[in-house]
């Protein structure tokens, strides 16, 4: 498998984490999910608007109004690519922050482990146990937010993996997204291990099982996302043969300060 062009990876990533509320304007995709996860509540600048910075500022005004009507901040998911150089200059001028730098990693199919990990439970739907463990590690919010997150996950066909500890309790989970329209590639998401169950090989068993599940479905390659600051996860994925294909960060509008008091 040749390394995929970044625009294709962007489209696959969007399809694998599908925001339920979305609108398109001038090449930008506005996405919202009630504030549940940054990715599902961010602008994806899929293509550059025609014209000058004046056109970008006009689109930014539309985006501000769209998110304001949903009581959400304006956040951009900006890929580190020359295509976004002009947009970054505009966002710099508007005072947008840079945060949550994330690496996009890729690997070819096959050549990792001896198939599915022992004792790993696979399903095509996220079980209540799967959801509760993932949300306890990565989630923000209560049951209503979890229900929204489940809707995002189920927006794309997927395989869900769960491994238990020696006491039979869920110890680690993961998800292999199979976005419609590109059955040859899958994305690894929601890799989460219970804090007191870490460094026992559970994440490696989850990863091995999901890759084996993808291989059995005829996939020829995989991608995954990991924050640049997560050294332990990056080491795990490097051992599994994943290599960097790109990166992105989030750019968020600084909140306006309002005077209070007497």
Protein backbone atom coordinates (compact mmCIF):
# COMPACT_ATOMS: atom_id res chain seq x y z
CA UNK A 1 0.00 0.00 0.00
CA UNK A 2 1.42 3.36 -0.97
CA UNK A 3 1.12 6.18 1.52
CA UNK A 4 -2.21 7.85 0.91
CA UNK A 5 -2.53 11.51 0.04
CA UNK A 6 -3.57 13.63 2.99
CA UNK A 7 -6.88 14.76 1.42
CA UNK A 8 -8.00 11.12 1.16
CA UNK A 9 -7.07 10.46 4.77
CA UNK A 10 -8.99 13.57 5.82
CA UNK A 11 -12.12 12.30 4.07
CA UNK A 12 -11.77 8.84 5.62
CA UNK A 13 -11.31 10.34 9.06
CA UNK A 14 -14.42 12.48 8.65
CA UNK A 15 -16.47 9.46 7.55
CA UNK A 16 -15.19 7.43 10.50
CA UNK A 17 -16.22 10.01 13.11
CA UNK A 18 -19.35 11.41 11.52
CA UNK A 19 -20.86 14.47 13.19
CA UNK A 20 -24.68 14.27 13.16
CA UNK A 21 -25.11 18.01 12.53
CA UNK A 22 -23.17 19.32 9.53
CA UNK A 23 -23.28 21.96 6.83
CA UNK A 24 -21.02 22.87 3.91
CA UNK A 25 -20.00 26.39 2.97
CA UNK A 26 -17.40 27.40 0.40
CA UNK A 27 -15.35 24.23 0.77
CA UNK A 28 -15.56 24.20 4.57
CA UNK A 29 -17.50 21.49 6.41
CA UNK A 30 -19.09 22.76 9.64
CA UNK A 31 -19.65 19.93 12.12
CA UNK A 32 -21.46 19.81 15.45
CA UNK A 33 -22.48 17.16 17.97
CA UNK A 34 -23.61 19.07 21.03
CA UNK A 35 -20.02 19.67 22.12
CA UNK A 36 -19.15 15.95 22.31
CA UNK A 37 -15.51 15.58 21.15
CA UNK A 38 -13.46 18.26 19.40
CA UNK A 39 -13.42 16.47 16.05
CA UNK A 40 -17.20 16.27 15.79
CA UNK A 41 -17.54 19.94 16.76
CA UNK A 42 -14.99 21.53 14.45
CA UNK A 43 -14.66 23.06 11.02
CA UNK A 44 -12.97 20.82 8.49
CA UNK A 45 -11.50 23.08 5.77
CA UNK A 46 -11.84 20.43 3.10
CA UNK A 47 -10.85 22.81 0.30
CA UNK A 48 -9.68 26.38 0.04
CA UNK A 49 -12.29 29.01 -0.86
CA UNK A 50 -11.79 30.85 -4.11
CA UNK A 51 -10.42 34.36 -3.87
CA UNK A 52 -8.45 36.20 -1.22
CA UNK A 53 -8.44 36.46 2.56
CA UNK A 54 -11.62 38.51 2.20
CA UNK A 55 -13.39 35.30 1.15
CA UNK A 56 -11.96 33.39 4.11
CA UNK A 57 -13.08 36.10 6.52
CA UNK A 58 -16.58 35.98 5.01
CA UNK A 59 -16.69 32.21 5.54
CA UNK A 60 -15.40 32.70 9.08
CA UNK A 61 -18.26 35.08 9.81
CA UNK A 62 -20.71 32.45 8.57
CA UNK A 63 -19.02 29.80 10.71
CA UNK A 64 -19.20 32.02 13.77
CA UNK A 65 -22.91 32.53 13.29
CA UNK A 66 -23.49 28.80 12.70
CA UNK A 67 -21.70 27.77 15.88
CA UNK A 68 -23.14 30.64 17.90
CA UNK A 69 -26.64 29.40 17.08
CA UNK A 70 -25.60 26.06 18.62
CA UNK A 71 -23.90 27.66 21.63
CA UNK A 72 -20.56 26.17 20.63
CA UNK A 73 -17.09 27.74 20.22
CA UNK A 74 -15.53 28.02 16.77
CA UNK A 75 -12.85 25.32 16.42
CA UNK A 76 -10.94 24.36 13.27
CA UNK A 77 -9.29 21.00 12.64
CA UNK A 78 -6.31 22.18 10.59
CA UNK A 79 -4.01 19.68 8.91
CA UNK A 80 -0.32 20.52 8.74
CA UNK A 81 -0.22 20.92 4.99
CA UNK A 82 0.77 23.76 2.63
CA UNK A 83 -2.86 23.94 1.49
CA UNK A 84 -3.74 25.50 4.85
CA UNK A 85 -0.98 28.11 5.02
CA UNK A 86 -3.26 31.01 4.05
CA UNK A 87 -5.98 29.85 6.45
CA UNK A 88 -3.50 29.67 9.31
CA UNK A 89 -2.44 33.25 8.65
CA UNK A 90 -6.06 34.38 8.85
CA UNK A 91 -6.63 32.44 12.07
CA UNK A 92 -3.41 33.87 13.51
CA UNK A 93 -4.72 37.34 12.78
CA UNK A 94 -8.03 36.50 14.45
CA UNK A 95 -6.30 35.26 17.60
CA UNK A 96 -7.13 31.56 17.31
CA UNK A 97 -5.12 29.28 19.61
CA UNK A 98 -3.23 26.13 18.58
CA UNK A 99 -3.76 23.01 20.69
CA UNK A 100 -3.99 19.20 20.77
CA UNK A 101 -1.36 18.41 18.13
CA UNK A 102 -2.21 14.96 16.76
CA UNK A 103 -0.22 12.56 14.58
CA UNK A 104 -1.77 10.53 11.76
CA UNK A 105 -0.05 7.14 11.52
CA UNK A 106 -0.32 4.49 8.79
CA UNK A 107 0.71 0.89 8.23
CA UNK A 108 0.16 -1.81 5.63
CA UNK A 109 -1.98 -4.86 6.29
CA UNK A 110 -0.46 -8.11 7.58
CA UNK A 111 2.78 -8.86 9.34
CA UNK A 112 1.78 -8.16 12.93
CA UNK A 113 1.37 -10.93 15.49
CA UNK A 114 -0.25 -14.30 14.98
CA UNK A 115 -3.83 -13.25 14.42
CA UNK A 116 -6.47 -12.34 16.96
CA UNK A 117 -5.30 -11.85 20.53
CA UNK A 118 -6.27 -14.55 23.02
CA UNK A 119 -9.45 -13.82 24.92
CA UNK A 120 -10.35 -10.64 23.01
CA UNK A 121 -14.08 -10.21 22.45
CA UNK A 122 -15.09 -8.80 19.05
CA UNK A 123 -18.48 -7.41 18.03
CA UNK A 124 -20.00 -5.15 15.39
CA UNK A 125 -21.75 -2.97 17.99
CA UNK A 126 -20.38 -1.28 21.11
CA UNK A 127 -21.66 -3.15 24.15
CA UNK A 128 -22.61 -1.26 27.34
CA UNK A 129 -19.38 -2.52 28.95
CA UNK A 130 -17.33 -1.34 25.97
CA UNK A 131 -18.94 2.09 26.04
CA UNK A 132 -18.59 2.55 29.79
CA UNK A 133 -14.88 1.69 29.80
CA UNK A 134 -14.08 3.90 26.81
CA UNK A 135 -16.10 6.80 28.19
CA UNK A 136 -14.52 6.47 31.65
CA UNK A 137 -11.09 6.95 30.05
CA UNK A 138 -11.72 9.36 27.16
CA UNK A 139 -15.18 10.80 27.72
CA UNK A 140 -16.38 14.19 28.87
CA UNK A 141 -19.89 14.54 30.23
CA UNK A 142 -22.72 12.34 31.49
CA UNK A 143 -25.13 9.83 30.00
CA UNK A 144 -26.59 12.29 27.47
CA UNK A 145 -23.12 13.01 26.08
CA UNK A 146 -22.35 9.29 26.00
CA UNK A 147 -25.51 8.69 23.95
CA UNK A 148 -24.34 11.33 21.47
CA UNK A 149 -20.90 9.71 21.33
CA UNK A 150 -22.47 6.33 20.62
CA UNK A 151 -24.36 7.87 17.71
CA UNK A 152 -21.07 9.17 16.31
CA UNK A 153 -19.47 5.73 16.57
CA UNK A 154 -22.43 4.00 14.93
CA UNK A 155 -22.36 6.43 12.00
CA UNK A 156 -19.81 4.13 10.39
CA UNK A 157 -19.62 0.29 10.23
CA UNK A 158 -17.04 -0.84 12.78
CA UNK A 159 -15.54 -3.71 14.73
CA UNK A 160 -15.30 -3.30 18.52
CA UNK A 161 -12.75 -5.14 20.66
CA UNK A 162 -12.78 -5.70 24.44
CA UNK A 163 -10.35 -7.59 26.67
CA UNK A 164 -10.92 -8.49 30.32
CA UNK A 165 -8.55 -8.70 33.26
CA UNK A 166 -8.03 -11.77 35.46
CA UNK A 167 -11.13 -10.85 37.47
CA UNK A 168 -13.31 -10.75 34.36
CA UNK A 169 -13.65 -6.97 34.35
CA UNK A 170 -13.24 -4.94 31.12
CA UNK A 171 -9.62 -3.80 30.99
CA UNK A 172 -9.16 -2.32 27.50
CA UNK A 173 -11.14 -1.54 24.37
CA UNK A 174 -10.64 -0.37 20.80
CA UNK A 175 -12.54 0.23 17.55
CA UNK A 176 -11.77 -0.47 13.91
CA UNK A 177 -13.76 1.92 11.69
CA UNK A 178 -14.74 0.69 8.22
CA UNK A 179 -15.92 3.85 6.43
CA UNK A 180 -18.29 3.37 3.53
CA UNK A 181 -16.84 4.05 0.11
CA UNK A 182 -13.34 2.81 0.85
CA UNK A 183 -13.53 -0.79 2.03
CA UNK A 184 -9.79 -1.30 1.52
CA UNK A 185 -8.75 0.84 4.51
CA UNK A 186 -9.67 0.94 8.18
CA UNK A 187 -9.06 3.37 11.02
CA UNK A 188 -8.15 2.50 14.61
CA UNK A 189 -10.03 4.58 17.18
CA UNK A 190 -11.02 4.60 20.86
CA UNK A 191 -7.96 2.72 22.10
CA UNK A 192 -8.46 2.98 25.87
CA UNK A 193 -7.15 1.02 28.85
CA UNK A 194 -8.45 1.25 32.40
CA UNK A 195 -5.82 3.25 34.38
CA UNK A 196 -5.18 0.50 36.96
CA UNK A 197 -4.85 -2.14 34.21
CA UNK A 198 -2.12 -0.46 32.16
CA UNK A 199 1.30 -1.89 31.28
CA UNK A 200 -0.03 -5.45 31.18
CA UNK A 201 -0.21 -5.93 27.42
CA UNK A 202 -3.96 -5.36 27.08
CA UNK A 203 -3.63 -2.56 24.50
CA UNK A 204 -1.32 -4.71 22.39
CA UNK A 205 -3.86 -7.55 22.38
CA UNK A 206 -6.63 -5.14 21.35
CA UNK A 207 -4.48 -3.74 18.54
CA UNK A 208 -3.48 -7.21 17.32
CA UNK A 209 -7.09 -8.39 17.27
CA UNK A 210 -8.41 -5.38 15.39
CA UNK A 211 -5.66 -5.62 12.78
CA UNK A 212 -6.41 -9.32 12.38
CA UNK A 213 -10.11 -8.53 12.00
CA UNK A 214 -9.29 -6.01 9.28
CA UNK A 215 -6.94 -8.42 7.50
CA UNK A 216 -9.67 -11.08 7.48
CA UNK A 217 -11.97 -8.56 5.78
CA UNK A 218 -9.44 -7.93 3.02
CA UNK A 219 -8.21 -4.52 4.12
CA UNK A 220 -4.88 -3.48 2.71
CA UNK A 221 -3.96 -0.77 5.20
CA UNK A 222 -4.79 1.15 8.37
CA UNK A 223 -4.50 4.56 9.91
CA UNK A 224 -4.81 5.79 13.48
CA UNK A 225 -4.59 9.03 15.42
CA UNK A 226 -2.49 9.69 18.51
CA UNK A 227 -1.70 12.91 20.34
CA UNK A 228 1.90 14.02 19.96
CA UNK A 229 2.26 14.13 23.75
CA UNK A 230 1.27 10.46 24.25
CA UNK A 231 4.72 8.87 24.21
CA UNK A 232 3.60 5.45 25.50
CA UNK A 233 0.95 5.02 22.79
CA UNK A 234 3.34 6.23 20.09
CA UNK A 235 5.85 3.58 21.18
CA UNK A 236 3.19 0.85 20.99
CA UNK A 237 2.14 1.89 17.51
CA UNK A 238 5.74 2.18 16.29
CA UNK A 239 6.39 -1.41 17.40
CA UNK A 240 3.30 -2.41 15.41
CA UNK A 241 4.75 -0.86 12.25
CA UNK A 242 2.82 2.42 12.14
CA UNK A 243 4.64 5.41 10.63
CA UNK A 244 3.72 9.08 10.52
CA UNK A 245 1.73 10.18 7.47
CA UNK A 246 0.74 13.66 8.64
CA UNK A 247 -0.48 15.65 11.59
CA UNK A 248 -3.10 18.19 12.57
CA UNK A 249 -3.99 20.49 15.41
CA UNK A 250 -7.07 22.31 16.61
CA UNK A 251 -7.40 26.07 16.40
CA UNK A 252 -9.97 27.57 18.75
CA UNK A 253 -11.25 31.09 18.97
CA UNK A 254 -10.37 32.74 22.24
CA UNK A 255 -13.48 33.47 24.32
CA UNK A 256 -14.45 37.12 24.48
CA UNK A 257 -14.07 38.59 27.96
CA UNK A 258 -17.14 40.22 29.42
CA UNK A 259 -16.96 42.81 32.15
CA UNK A 260 -18.72 41.74 35.35
CA UNK A 261 -19.37 43.20 38.76
CA UNK A 262 -20.44 46.67 39.78
